[in-house]
Amino acid sequence: RGSIRFNSAAIMSLCQHNWAGNVRELANLVERMAIMYPYGVAGVKDLPAKFRYVEEANEVEGEEASSQHLAA
């Protein structure tokens, strides 16, 4: 398994999702993203559609990855 970073726009989008207290849904998403983008930085456009709450225009090109480094 790899590890993945989410940029700040992706993190903002994930924070707006109603997780309904289900941490397994979040864990599954992180694991899937780590497989799809090993050692990469994921933005809003990389998230599955149901997790995209932030407009693409809010993402800054070349934005530094958030300090939130997640390993699957």
N, C-alpha and C. Protein backbone atom coordinates (compact mmCIF):
# COMPACT_ATOMS: atom_id res chain seq x y z
N ARG A 1 0.84 -1.19 0.00
CA ARG A 1 0.00 0.00 0.00
C ARG A 1 0.87 1.24 0.00
N GLY A 2 0.37 2.25 -0.64
CA GLY A 2 1.09 3.51 -0.67
C GLY A 2 0.57 4.45 0.41
N SER A 3 0.94 5.66 0.27
CA SER A 3 0.41 6.70 1.15
C SER A 3 -0.04 7.83 0.24
N ILE A 4 -0.89 8.65 0.75
CA ILE A 4 -1.45 9.71 -0.08
C ILE A 4 -1.56 10.99 0.73
N ARG A 5 -1.49 12.09 0.03
CA ARG A 5 -1.72 13.40 0.64
C ARG A 5 -2.92 14.02 -0.06
N PHE A 6 -3.68 14.77 0.69
CA PHE A 6 -4.81 15.50 0.13
C PHE A 6 -4.49 16.99 0.22
N ASN A 7 -4.71 17.73 -0.88
CA ASN A 7 -4.48 19.17 -0.78
C ASN A 7 -5.59 19.79 0.07
N SER A 8 -5.43 21.06 0.40
CA SER A 8 -6.37 21.69 1.34
C SER A 8 -7.79 21.74 0.80
N ALA A 9 -7.96 21.92 -0.52
CA ALA A 9 -9.31 21.95 -1.09
C ALA A 9 -9.98 20.58 -0.95
N ALA A 10 -9.24 19.51 -1.15
CA ALA A 10 -9.80 18.16 -0.99
C ALA A 10 -10.17 17.91 0.46
N ILE A 11 -9.34 18.35 1.38
CA ILE A 11 -9.65 18.18 2.80
C ILE A 11 -10.91 18.96 3.17
N MET A 12 -11.02 20.19 2.65
CA MET A 12 -12.23 20.98 2.92
C MET A 12 -13.46 20.26 2.38
N SER A 13 -13.33 19.67 1.20
CA SER A 13 -14.45 18.95 0.61
C SER A 13 -14.82 17.73 1.45
N LEU A 14 -13.83 16.98 1.89
CA LEU A 14 -14.09 15.80 2.72
C LEU A 14 -14.71 16.18 4.06
N CYS A 15 -14.32 17.33 4.59
CA CYS A 15 -14.89 17.78 5.87
C CYS A 15 -16.37 18.14 5.74
N GLN A 16 -16.80 18.48 4.54
CA GLN A 16 -18.20 18.86 4.34
C GLN A 16 -19.11 17.65 4.11
N HIS A 17 -18.53 16.49 3.90
CA HIS A 17 -19.33 15.28 3.67
C HIS A 17 -19.95 14.82 4.99
N ASN A 18 -21.19 14.36 4.93
CA ASN A 18 -21.86 13.83 6.12
C ASN A 18 -21.46 12.37 6.29
N TRP A 19 -20.48 12.13 7.15
CA TRP A 19 -19.96 10.78 7.34
C TRP A 19 -20.87 9.93 8.21
N ALA A 20 -21.83 10.51 8.83
CA ALA A 20 -22.81 9.79 9.65
C ALA A 20 -22.13 8.89 10.69
N GLY A 21 -21.01 9.34 11.19
CA GLY A 21 -20.32 8.57 12.23
C GLY A 21 -19.68 7.30 11.73
N ASN A 22 -19.61 7.12 10.43
CA ASN A 22 -19.08 5.88 9.88
C ASN A 22 -17.63 6.06 9.47
N VAL A 23 -16.75 5.71 10.37
CA VAL A 23 -15.32 5.86 10.11
C VAL A 23 -14.83 4.86 9.06
N ARG A 24 -15.56 3.77 8.88
CA ARG A 24 -15.17 2.79 7.85
C ARG A 24 -15.27 3.38 6.45
N GLU A 25 -16.26 4.23 6.23
CA GLU A 25 -16.40 4.87 4.92
C GLU A 25 -15.18 5.73 4.62
N LEU A 26 -14.72 6.48 5.60
CA LEU A 26 -13.53 7.31 5.44
C LEU A 26 -12.29 6.43 5.23
N ALA A 27 -12.15 5.39 6.03
CA ALA A 27 -11.00 4.49 5.90
C ALA A 27 -10.97 3.84 4.52
N ASN A 28 -12.13 3.42 4.02
CA ASN A 28 -12.19 2.81 2.69
C ASN A 28 -11.81 3.80 1.60
N LEU A 29 -12.26 5.04 1.74
CA LEU A 29 -11.92 6.06 0.76
C LEU A 29 -10.41 6.30 0.75
N VAL A 30 -9.82 6.46 1.92
CA VAL A 30 -8.37 6.71 2.00
C VAL A 30 -7.60 5.54 1.41
N GLU A 31 -8.01 4.33 1.72
CA GLU A 31 -7.33 3.15 1.17
C GLU A 31 -7.44 3.11 -0.36
N ARG A 32 -8.64 3.36 -0.86
CA ARG A 32 -8.84 3.36 -2.32
C ARG A 32 -8.01 4.44 -3.00
N MET A 33 -7.98 5.63 -2.39
CA MET A 33 -7.21 6.73 -2.97
C MET A 33 -5.71 6.44 -2.93
N ALA A 34 -5.25 5.79 -1.86
CA ALA A 34 -3.83 5.44 -1.75
C ALA A 34 -3.43 4.43 -2.83
N ILE A 35 -4.35 3.55 -3.19
CA ILE A 35 -4.07 2.58 -4.26
C ILE A 35 -4.06 3.28 -5.62
N MET A 36 -5.01 4.18 -5.82
CA MET A 36 -5.11 4.87 -7.11
C MET A 36 -4.03 5.92 -7.32
N TYR A 37 -3.61 6.57 -6.25
CA TYR A 37 -2.63 7.66 -6.32
C TYR A 37 -1.51 7.41 -5.32
N PRO A 38 -0.74 6.32 -5.45
CA PRO A 38 0.29 6.04 -4.46
C PRO A 38 1.34 7.15 -4.43
N TYR A 39 1.63 7.63 -3.26
CA TYR A 39 2.65 8.65 -3.04
C TYR A 39 2.34 9.95 -3.78
N GLY A 40 1.08 10.20 -4.03
CA GLY A 40 0.70 11.40 -4.74
C GLY A 40 -0.09 12.35 -3.88
N VAL A 41 -0.50 13.45 -4.51
CA VAL A 41 -1.33 14.45 -3.85
C VAL A 41 -2.67 14.47 -4.57
N ALA A 42 -3.74 14.25 -3.85
CA ALA A 42 -5.08 14.22 -4.44
C ALA A 42 -5.77 15.56 -4.23
N GLY A 43 -6.43 16.02 -5.26
CA GLY A 43 -7.24 17.22 -5.18
C GLY A 43 -8.71 16.87 -5.27
N VAL A 44 -9.56 17.87 -5.29
CA VAL A 44 -11.00 17.64 -5.37
C VAL A 44 -11.35 16.85 -6.62
N LYS A 45 -10.71 17.16 -7.73
CA LYS A 45 -11.03 16.47 -8.99
C LYS A 45 -10.71 14.99 -8.94
N ASP A 46 -9.87 14.58 -8.01
CA ASP A 46 -9.49 13.17 -7.88
C ASP A 46 -10.45 12.39 -6.98
N LEU A 47 -11.25 13.09 -6.21
CA LEU A 47 -12.20 12.43 -5.30
C LEU A 47 -13.38 11.86 -6.07
N PRO A 48 -13.96 10.77 -5.59
CA PRO A 48 -15.21 10.30 -6.19
C PRO A 48 -16.26 11.42 -6.13
N ALA A 49 -17.15 11.45 -7.11
CA ALA A 49 -18.11 12.55 -7.26
C ALA A 49 -18.89 12.86 -5.99
N LYS A 50 -19.28 11.85 -5.23
CA LYS A 50 -20.12 12.11 -4.05
C LYS A 50 -19.38 12.84 -2.93
N PHE A 51 -18.06 12.99 -3.05
CA PHE A 51 -17.28 13.70 -2.04
C PHE A 51 -16.84 15.09 -2.51
N ARG A 52 -17.25 15.51 -3.67
CA ARG A 52 -16.83 16.80 -4.22
C ARG A 52 -17.80 17.90 -3.82
N TYR A 53 -17.48 18.60 -2.75
CA TYR A 53 -18.32 19.69 -2.27
C TYR A 53 -17.71 21.05 -2.54
N VAL A 54 -16.44 21.09 -2.88
CA VAL A 54 -15.73 22.33 -3.14
C VAL A 54 -15.55 22.45 -4.65
N GLU A 55 -15.79 23.63 -5.19
CA GLU A 55 -15.64 23.84 -6.63
C GLU A 55 -14.18 23.67 -7.04
N GLU A 56 -13.98 23.15 -8.24
CA GLU A 56 -12.63 22.98 -8.77
C GLU A 56 -11.88 24.31 -8.80
N ALA A 57 -12.58 25.40 -9.06
CA ALA A 57 -11.93 26.71 -9.15
C ALA A 57 -11.25 27.10 -7.85
N ASN A 58 -11.67 26.49 -6.74
CA ASN A 58 -11.06 26.82 -5.45
C ASN A 58 -9.71 26.15 -5.26
N GLU A 59 -9.39 25.18 -6.13
CA GLU A 59 -8.10 24.53 -6.02
C GLU A 59 -7.05 25.42 -6.68
N VAL A 60 -5.92 25.56 -6.02
CA VAL A 60 -4.84 26.39 -6.54
C VAL A 60 -3.84 25.48 -7.22
N GLU A 61 -3.48 25.79 -8.46
CA GLU A 61 -2.49 25.00 -9.17
C GLU A 61 -1.17 25.04 -8.42
N GLY A 62 -0.54 23.88 -8.31
CA GLY A 62 0.75 23.80 -7.64
C GLY A 62 0.67 23.98 -6.14
N GLU A 63 -0.51 23.88 -5.59
CA GLU A 63 -0.68 24.07 -4.15
C GLU A 63 0.09 23.01 -3.38
N GLU A 64 0.73 23.42 -2.34
CA GLU A 64 1.44 22.47 -1.49
C GLU A 64 0.45 21.52 -0.86
N ALA A 65 0.86 20.29 -0.69
CA ALA A 65 0.00 19.30 -0.03
C ALA A 65 -0.19 19.70 1.41
N SER A 66 -1.34 19.42 1.91
CA SER A 66 -1.62 19.69 3.31
C SER A 66 -0.70 18.85 4.18
N SER A 67 -0.54 19.24 5.40
CA SER A 67 0.29 18.46 6.31
C SER A 67 -0.39 17.17 6.70
N GLN A 68 -1.62 16.97 6.24
CA GLN A 68 -2.36 15.75 6.54
C GLN A 68 -1.88 14.64 5.61
N HIS A 69 -0.93 13.86 6.06
CA HIS A 69 -0.37 12.75 5.29
C HIS A 69 -1.01 11.49 5.82
N LEU A 70 -1.68 10.76 4.96
CA LEU A 70 -2.43 9.58 5.40
C LEU A 70 -1.86 8.34 4.76
N ALA A 71 -1.64 7.33 5.56
CA ALA A 71 -1.17 6.05 5.04
C ALA A 71 -2.31 5.05 5.12
N ALA A 72 -2.47 4.29 4.07
CA ALA A 72 -3.54 3.29 4.06
C ALA A 72 -3.02 1.99 4.63
